Amino acid sequence: MDILEENPYAAAVNSNRLSSACSRCFVQKDHVPVSRCMKCKAIYYCSSACQKGDWKIHKKECEWLSAIHPFTPNQAVRLIARLLIRRKKGDSSKVTAFNG
């Protein structure tokens, strides 16, 4: 029985799991295949729906990650970037799909 469940304001996949987990819903590659963002080549998604759902935040992140490719910042840096992007956009909505 769930007492309380809250979706994160911002989240980032652990660096050692970047290529094996969806950056939107966090489903693991062993459950469904994940595809890499063709522009930044750093972030992965399990479906086009997850990629489209994350675009509002990933658009700016993608520009930044593309500029520094092939280097990919660690999880903490990517999380801070996502927090700052959401904050700047004034976005207070929640993630719609968390834990699959």
Protein backbone atom coordinates (compact mmCIF):
# COMPACT_ATOMS: atom_id res chain seq x y z
CA MET A 1 0.00 0.00 0.00
CA ASP A 2 1.38 3.40 -1.01
CA ILE A 3 1.00 6.12 1.56
CA LEU A 4 2.57 8.92 -0.42
CA GLU A 5 4.14 9.11 -3.83
CA GLU A 6 5.65 12.26 -5.33
CA ASN A 7 7.28 12.81 -8.69
CA PRO A 8 10.64 14.61 -8.82
CA TYR A 9 10.98 18.24 -9.89
CA ALA A 10 14.16 17.22 -11.71
CA ALA A 11 16.12 14.00 -12.07
CA ALA A 12 19.18 12.69 -13.90
CA VAL A 13 20.16 9.13 -14.66
CA ASN A 14 23.26 7.84 -12.87
CA SER A 15 26.29 8.31 -15.12
CA ASN A 16 27.13 4.59 -15.27
CA ARG A 17 23.57 3.82 -16.45
CA LEU A 18 23.16 6.59 -19.06
CA SER A 19 23.20 4.19 -22.01
CA SER A 20 20.91 1.66 -20.36
CA ALA A 21 18.07 3.73 -18.86
CA CYS A 22 15.44 6.09 -20.21
CA SER A 23 16.14 9.66 -19.09
CA ARG A 24 12.41 10.39 -18.74
CA CYS A 25 10.79 7.35 -17.08
CA PHE A 26 14.01 5.55 -15.97
CA VAL A 27 12.98 2.16 -17.37
CA GLN A 28 16.03 -0.10 -17.76
CA LYS A 29 17.30 -1.38 -21.13
CA ASP A 30 16.84 -4.98 -20.00
CA HIS A 31 13.06 -4.29 -19.90
CA VAL A 32 12.78 -2.29 -23.16
CA PRO A 33 15.32 -1.07 -25.73
CA VAL A 34 16.54 2.51 -25.36
CA SER A 35 17.59 4.88 -28.16
CA ARG A 36 20.13 7.68 -27.97
CA CYS A 37 19.29 11.31 -28.74
CA MET A 38 20.75 11.82 -32.21
CA LYS A 39 21.84 15.40 -31.53
CA CYS A 40 23.68 15.30 -28.18
CA LYS A 41 24.42 11.54 -28.24
CA ALA A 42 24.41 11.52 -24.43
CA ILE A 43 20.80 11.01 -23.36
CA TYR A 44 18.69 7.89 -24.00
CA TYR A 45 14.94 7.29 -24.23
CA CYS A 46 12.77 4.16 -24.30
CA SER A 47 10.22 5.64 -26.71
CA SER A 48 9.42 8.63 -28.86
CA ALA A 49 6.71 9.51 -26.32
CA CYS A 50 9.32 9.79 -23.55
CA GLN A 51 11.63 11.77 -25.83
CA LYS A 52 8.84 14.20 -26.76
CA GLY A 53 7.73 14.45 -23.12
CA ASP A 54 11.24 15.39 -22.05
CA TRP A 55 11.90 17.84 -24.91
CA LYS A 56 10.78 20.91 -22.96
CA ILE A 57 13.79 20.46 -20.65
CA HIS A 58 16.09 18.44 -22.89
CA LYS A 59 16.05 21.06 -25.68
CA LYS A 60 18.40 23.39 -23.75
CA GLU A 61 20.27 20.48 -22.18
CA CYS A 62 20.76 19.01 -25.66
CA GLU A 63 22.32 22.22 -26.99
CA TRP A 64 24.74 22.27 -24.07
CA LEU A 65 25.60 18.57 -24.28
CA SER A 66 26.10 18.81 -28.05
CA ALA A 67 28.55 21.67 -27.60
CA ILE A 68 30.75 19.65 -25.24
CA HIS A 69 30.41 16.23 -26.95
CA PRO A 70 32.08 13.72 -26.55
CA PHE A 71 32.46 14.76 -22.89
CA THR A 72 29.38 13.96 -20.79
CA PRO A 73 29.11 15.63 -17.37
CA ASN A 74 28.45 13.52 -14.30
CA GLN A 75 25.00 13.00 -12.81
CA ALA A 76 25.25 15.87 -10.30
CA VAL A 77 26.17 18.41 -13.00
CA ARG A 78 23.39 17.19 -15.31
CA LEU A 79 20.88 17.34 -12.45
CA ILE A 80 21.87 20.91 -11.58
CA ALA A 81 21.56 21.86 -15.26
CA ARG A 82 18.04 20.37 -15.39
CA LEU A 83 17.08 22.21 -12.19
CA LEU A 84 18.34 25.50 -13.60
CA ILE A 85 16.58 24.97 -16.93
CA ARG A 86 13.24 24.26 -15.22
CA ARG A 87 13.72 27.16 -12.84
CA LYS A 88 14.51 29.57 -15.67
CA LYS A 89 11.44 28.41 -17.61
CA GLY A 90 9.27 28.92 -14.51
CA ASP A 91 8.12 25.32 -14.89
CA SER A 92 6.55 23.97 -11.73
CA SER A 93 4.81 20.97 -13.32
CA LYS A 94 5.68 17.45 -12.26
CA VAL A 95 7.08 14.55 -14.25
CA THR A 96 4.09 12.56 -15.53
CA ALA A 97 5.74 9.14 -15.63
CA PHE A 98 8.14 8.09 -12.91
CA ASN A 99 9.17 4.51 -12.11
CA GLY A 100 7.62 3.35 -15.36
